[in-house]
Amino acid sequence: MRKIRVNDEVIVIAGKDKGRRGKVVKLVGEDRLIVSGVNMVKKHQKANPQMGVSGAIVDKEASLQISNVAILNTSTQKADRVGFKIEGDRKVRIYKSSGEAINP
């Protein structure tokens, strides 16, 4: 079970976008993820007349190392760590600071 999943609200804790918040859009491999509106890069897009795509310089989100983000605790509005707890026959993600369950 992953500590950070798609649609989790995260905060960047290291790098050029430190302090910025966003939702996880996509997980890329084992240790990288894409966060909406964070780590924007310029991509030179080649024109493709057959597809109707014009050439341009577009902004897109680049992937971040998963260690450079932390989950955002909604009650305290601060970065938090993720732990796990067994409730009945389910494994549940919790915030380490308060012990509250993270909404799925």
N, C-alpha and C. Protein backbone atom coordinates (compact mmCIF):
# COMPACT_ATOMS: atom_id res chain seq x y z
N MET A 1 0.85 -1.18 0.00
CA MET A 1 0.00 0.00 0.00
C MET A 1 0.90 1.24 0.00
N ARG A 2 0.60 2.17 -0.89
CA ARG A 2 1.39 3.39 -1.01
C ARG A 2 1.00 4.42 0.04
N LYS A 3 1.96 5.21 0.46
CA LYS A 3 1.68 6.27 1.44
C LYS A 3 1.01 7.46 0.77
N ILE A 4 1.38 7.77 -0.47
CA ILE A 4 0.77 8.87 -1.21
C ILE A 4 0.12 8.29 -2.45
N ARG A 5 -1.14 8.67 -2.66
CA ARG A 5 -1.93 8.14 -3.78
C ARG A 5 -2.42 9.27 -4.67
N VAL A 6 -3.01 8.91 -5.80
CA VAL A 6 -3.61 9.87 -6.71
C VAL A 6 -4.77 10.57 -5.99
N ASN A 7 -4.94 11.87 -6.23
CA ASN A 7 -5.96 12.75 -5.65
C ASN A 7 -5.66 13.15 -4.21
N ASP A 8 -4.51 12.79 -3.65
CA ASP A 8 -4.12 13.29 -2.33
C ASP A 8 -3.65 14.73 -2.46
N GLU A 9 -3.96 15.54 -1.46
CA GLU A 9 -3.48 16.92 -1.40
C GLU A 9 -2.10 16.88 -0.77
N VAL A 10 -1.08 17.39 -1.49
CA VAL A 10 0.30 17.34 -0.99
C VAL A 10 0.91 18.74 -0.97
N ILE A 11 1.99 18.87 -0.24
CA ILE A 11 2.76 20.11 -0.18
C ILE A 11 4.21 19.76 -0.49
N VAL A 12 4.86 20.60 -1.30
CA VAL A 12 6.26 20.36 -1.69
C VAL A 12 7.15 20.84 -0.55
N ILE A 13 8.07 19.96 -0.12
CA ILE A 13 8.92 20.29 1.03
C ILE A 13 10.37 20.56 0.63
N ALA A 14 10.72 20.37 -0.66
CA ALA A 14 12.09 20.63 -1.10
C ALA A 14 12.08 20.99 -2.58
N GLY A 15 13.05 21.79 -2.98
CA GLY A 15 13.19 22.15 -4.39
C GLY A 15 12.72 23.55 -4.69
N LYS A 16 12.66 23.88 -5.98
CA LYS A 16 12.34 25.26 -6.40
C LYS A 16 10.90 25.65 -6.08
N ASP A 17 10.00 24.69 -5.93
CA ASP A 17 8.59 24.98 -5.64
C ASP A 17 8.24 24.70 -4.18
N LYS A 18 9.21 24.80 -3.30
CA LYS A 18 8.99 24.52 -1.88
C LYS A 18 7.85 25.37 -1.32
N GLY A 19 6.91 24.72 -0.62
CA GLY A 19 5.77 25.43 -0.03
C GLY A 19 4.52 25.42 -0.89
N ARG A 20 4.63 25.06 -2.17
CA ARG A 20 3.47 25.05 -3.05
C ARG A 20 2.64 23.80 -2.78
N ARG A 21 1.32 23.93 -2.97
CA ARG A 21 0.40 22.83 -2.73
C ARG A 21 -0.28 22.43 -4.03
N GLY A 22 -0.74 21.18 -4.07
CA GLY A 22 -1.48 20.70 -5.23
C GLY A 22 -1.95 19.28 -5.03
N LYS A 23 -2.75 18.81 -5.98
CA LYS A 23 -3.24 17.44 -5.94
C LYS A 23 -2.36 16.55 -6.80
N VAL A 24 -2.20 15.32 -6.37
CA VAL A 24 -1.43 14.35 -7.14
C VAL A 24 -2.27 13.93 -8.34
N VAL A 25 -1.72 14.16 -9.55
CA VAL A 25 -2.43 13.84 -10.78
C VAL A 25 -2.11 12.42 -11.23
N LYS A 26 -0.83 12.05 -11.11
CA LYS A 26 -0.40 10.77 -11.67
C LYS A 26 0.84 10.27 -10.93
N LEU A 27 0.93 8.98 -10.73
CA LEU A 27 2.13 8.36 -10.18
C LEU A 27 2.95 7.83 -11.35
N VAL A 28 4.24 8.17 -11.37
CA VAL A 28 5.12 7.77 -12.46
C VAL A 28 6.16 6.83 -11.89
N GLY A 29 6.00 5.56 -12.14
CA GLY A 29 6.95 4.59 -11.62
C GLY A 29 6.80 4.41 -10.12
N GLU A 30 7.89 3.96 -9.50
CA GLU A 30 7.87 3.67 -8.06
C GLU A 30 8.09 4.92 -7.21
N ASP A 31 8.90 5.86 -7.69
CA ASP A 31 9.35 6.93 -6.81
C ASP A 31 9.12 8.34 -7.35
N ARG A 32 8.26 8.52 -8.34
CA ARG A 32 8.00 9.84 -8.89
C ARG A 32 6.50 10.07 -9.04
N LEU A 33 6.11 11.34 -8.99
CA LEU A 33 4.69 11.68 -9.17
C LEU A 33 4.56 13.05 -9.81
N ILE A 34 3.38 13.33 -10.35
CA ILE A 34 3.08 14.61 -10.97
C ILE A 34 2.02 15.30 -10.13
N VAL A 35 2.30 16.55 -9.73
CA VAL A 35 1.39 17.34 -8.92
C VAL A 35 0.87 18.49 -9.77
N SER A 36 -0.43 18.74 -9.72
CA SER A 36 -1.03 19.77 -10.57
C SER A 36 -0.52 21.16 -10.19
N GLY A 37 -0.05 21.91 -11.19
CA GLY A 37 0.41 23.28 -11.00
C GLY A 37 1.77 23.44 -10.36
N VAL A 38 2.50 22.34 -10.17
CA VAL A 38 3.81 22.39 -9.51
C VAL A 38 4.87 21.85 -10.46
N ASN A 39 6.08 22.41 -10.38
CA ASN A 39 7.22 22.00 -11.20
C ASN A 39 6.92 22.15 -12.69
N MET A 40 6.45 23.35 -13.06
CA MET A 40 6.11 23.63 -14.45
C MET A 40 7.39 23.81 -15.28
N VAL A 41 7.40 23.20 -16.46
CA VAL A 41 8.51 23.32 -17.39
C VAL A 41 7.98 23.71 -18.76
N LYS A 42 8.85 24.26 -19.60
CA LYS A 42 8.48 24.62 -20.97
C LYS A 42 8.84 23.45 -21.88
N LYS A 43 7.88 23.06 -22.73
CA LYS A 43 8.12 21.98 -23.68
C LYS A 43 7.93 22.52 -25.08
N HIS A 44 8.90 22.31 -25.94
CA HIS A 44 8.79 22.73 -27.33
C HIS A 44 8.05 21.64 -28.09
N GLN A 45 6.81 21.95 -28.47
CA GLN A 45 5.95 20.97 -29.12
C GLN A 45 6.08 21.12 -30.63
N LYS A 46 6.38 20.05 -31.30
CA LYS A 46 6.55 20.06 -32.75
C LYS A 46 5.19 20.06 -33.42
N ALA A 47 5.08 20.76 -34.53
CA ALA A 47 3.82 20.82 -35.27
C ALA A 47 3.55 19.48 -35.95
N ASN A 48 2.27 19.13 -36.03
CA ASN A 48 1.84 17.93 -36.74
C ASN A 48 0.59 18.29 -37.54
N PRO A 49 0.77 18.71 -38.81
CA PRO A 49 -0.37 19.17 -39.60
C PRO A 49 -1.44 18.10 -39.83
N GLN A 50 -1.05 16.85 -39.89
CA GLN A 50 -2.03 15.78 -40.10
C GLN A 50 -2.99 15.64 -38.93
N MET A 51 -2.50 15.90 -37.71
CA MET A 51 -3.34 15.82 -36.52
C MET A 51 -3.98 17.16 -36.18
N GLY A 52 -3.59 18.21 -36.90
CA GLY A 52 -4.14 19.54 -36.63
C GLY A 52 -3.50 20.22 -35.44
N VAL A 53 -2.27 19.82 -35.10
CA VAL A 53 -1.56 20.39 -33.95
C VAL A 53 -0.54 21.39 -34.47
N SER A 54 -0.61 22.62 -33.96
CA SER A 54 0.37 23.63 -34.36
C SER A 54 1.55 23.59 -33.39
N GLY A 55 2.70 23.97 -33.89
CA GLY A 55 3.89 23.99 -33.05
C GLY A 55 3.83 25.15 -32.07
N ALA A 56 4.31 24.94 -30.86
CA ALA A 56 4.28 25.98 -29.86
C ALA A 56 5.19 25.59 -28.69
N ILE A 57 5.36 26.54 -27.79
CA ILE A 57 6.05 26.26 -26.53
C ILE A 57 4.96 26.19 -25.47
N VAL A 58 4.78 25.03 -24.88
CA VAL A 58 3.69 24.82 -23.92
C VAL A 58 4.25 24.59 -22.53
N ASP A 59 3.48 24.99 -21.52
CA ASP A 59 3.83 24.72 -20.13
C ASP A 59 3.21 23.39 -19.72
N LYS A 60 3.98 22.56 -19.05
CA LYS A 60 3.44 21.29 -18.56
C LYS A 60 4.10 20.96 -17.23
N GLU A 61 3.46 20.07 -16.48
CA GLU A 61 3.99 19.66 -15.18
C GLU A 61 5.00 18.54 -15.38
N ALA A 62 6.15 18.70 -14.76
CA ALA A 62 7.16 17.65 -14.77
C ALA A 62 7.02 16.84 -13.48
N SER A 63 7.60 15.66 -13.47
CA SER A 63 7.47 14.80 -12.30
C SER A 63 8.39 15.27 -11.17
N LEU A 64 8.00 14.94 -9.95
CA LEU A 64 8.77 15.24 -8.75
C LEU A 64 9.16 13.93 -8.06
N GLN A 65 10.27 13.97 -7.35
CA GLN A 65 10.64 12.83 -6.52
C GLN A 65 9.63 12.74 -5.37
N ILE A 66 9.18 11.54 -5.06
CA ILE A 66 8.15 11.35 -4.03
C ILE A 66 8.65 11.78 -2.65
N SER A 67 9.97 11.77 -2.46
CA SER A 67 10.53 12.18 -1.17
C SER A 67 10.48 13.70 -0.98
N ASN A 68 10.22 14.45 -2.04
CA ASN A 68 10.17 15.90 -1.96
C ASN A 68 8.78 16.45 -1.68
N VAL A 69 7.81 15.58 -1.43
CA VAL A 69 6.46 16.02 -1.09
C VAL A 69 6.01 15.33 0.19
N ALA A 70 5.08 15.99 0.89
CA ALA A 70 4.48 15.41 2.10
C ALA A 70 2.98 15.61 1.99
N ILE A 71 2.23 14.70 2.57
CA ILE A 71 0.77 14.81 2.53
C ILE A 71 0.34 15.99 3.40
N LEU A 72 -0.72 16.68 2.98
CA LEU A 72 -1.21 17.85 3.70
C LEU A 72 -2.30 17.41 4.66
N ASN A 73 -2.09 17.69 5.95
CA ASN A 73 -3.10 17.39 6.96
C ASN A 73 -4.17 18.46 6.87
N THR A 74 -5.40 18.08 6.55
CA THR A 74 -6.47 19.05 6.30
C THR A 74 -6.91 19.77 7.57
N SER A 75 -6.75 19.16 8.72
CA SER A 75 -7.19 19.82 9.96
C SER A 75 -6.20 20.87 10.43
N THR A 76 -4.90 20.64 10.25
CA THR A 76 -3.89 21.60 10.70
C THR A 76 -3.33 22.45 9.57
N GLN A 77 -3.60 22.08 8.32
CA GLN A 77 -3.06 22.76 7.13
C GLN A 77 -1.53 22.76 7.11
N LYS A 78 -0.92 21.68 7.61
CA LYS A 78 0.52 21.53 7.61
C LYS A 78 0.90 20.19 7.01
N ALA A 79 2.18 20.07 6.64
CA ALA A 79 2.69 18.81 6.11
C ALA A 79 2.71 17.77 7.23
N ASP A 80 2.46 16.53 6.87
CA ASP A 80 2.42 15.46 7.86
C ASP A 80 2.99 14.19 7.26
N ARG A 81 3.31 13.25 8.13
CA ARG A 81 3.78 11.94 7.68
C ARG A 81 2.61 10.96 7.71
N VAL A 82 2.76 9.88 6.98
CA VAL A 82 1.69 8.88 6.86
C VAL A 82 2.10 7.61 7.59
N GLY A 83 1.16 7.07 8.36
CA GLY A 83 1.37 5.79 9.02
C GLY A 83 0.23 4.86 8.67
N PHE A 84 0.30 3.65 9.14
CA PHE A 84 -0.74 2.66 8.87
C PHE A 84 -1.24 2.06 10.17
N LYS A 85 -2.54 1.71 10.17
CA LYS A 85 -3.15 1.09 11.33
C LYS A 85 -4.12 0.03 10.82
N ILE A 86 -4.21 -1.07 11.54
CA ILE A 86 -5.13 -2.14 11.17
C ILE A 86 -6.44 -1.92 11.92
N GLU A 87 -7.52 -1.74 11.17
CA GLU A 87 -8.86 -1.60 11.75
C GLU A 87 -9.71 -2.76 11.26
N GLY A 88 -9.94 -3.70 12.15
CA GLY A 88 -10.69 -4.91 11.76
C GLY A 88 -9.88 -5.73 10.79
N ASP A 89 -10.37 -5.85 9.56
CA ASP A 89 -9.64 -6.60 8.54
C ASP A 89 -9.08 -5.68 7.46
N ARG A 90 -9.06 -4.36 7.73
CA ARG A 90 -8.57 -3.38 6.75
C ARG A 90 -7.32 -2.69 7.27
N LYS A 91 -6.45 -2.31 6.33
CA LYS A 91 -5.27 -1.51 6.64
C LYS A 91 -5.60 -0.08 6.25
N VAL A 92 -5.51 0.86 7.19
CA VAL A 92 -5.95 2.24 6.98
C VAL A 92 -4.75 3.18 7.11
N ARG A 93 -4.68 4.19 6.22
CA ARG A 93 -3.65 5.22 6.33
C ARG A 93 -4.07 6.25 7.38
N ILE A 94 -3.11 6.68 8.20
CA ILE A 94 -3.40 7.67 9.24
C ILE A 94 -2.34 8.77 9.20
N TYR A 95 -2.69 9.96 9.76
CA TYR A 95 -1.71 11.01 9.97
C TYR A 95 -0.90 10.66 11.22
N LYS A 96 0.42 10.74 11.14
CA LYS A 96 1.28 10.38 12.27
C LYS A 96 1.10 11.33 13.46
N SER A 97 0.85 12.62 13.20
CA SER A 97 0.79 13.60 14.29
C SER A 97 -0.47 13.45 15.14
N SER A 98 -1.60 13.14 14.50
CA SER A 98 -2.86 13.10 15.26
C SER A 98 -3.47 11.71 15.35
N GLY A 99 -3.10 10.81 14.48
CA GLY A 99 -3.69 9.47 14.48
C GLY A 99 -5.02 9.39 13.76
N GLU A 100 -5.46 10.51 13.14
CA GLU A 100 -6.71 10.51 12.38
C GLU A 100 -6.55 9.74 11.09
N ALA A 101 -7.61 9.10 10.64
CA ALA A 101 -7.60 8.38 9.38
C ALA A 101 -7.62 9.37 8.22
N ILE A 102 -6.89 9.04 7.16
CA ILE A 102 -6.87 9.85 5.95
C ILE A 102 -8.04 9.41 5.08
N ASN A 103 -8.83 10.37 4.62
CA ASN A 103 -9.99 10.02 3.78
C ASN A 103 -9.54 9.39 2.49
N PRO A 104 -10.17 8.28 2.10
CA PRO A 104 -9.75 7.58 0.86
C PRO A 104 -10.09 8.35 -0.39
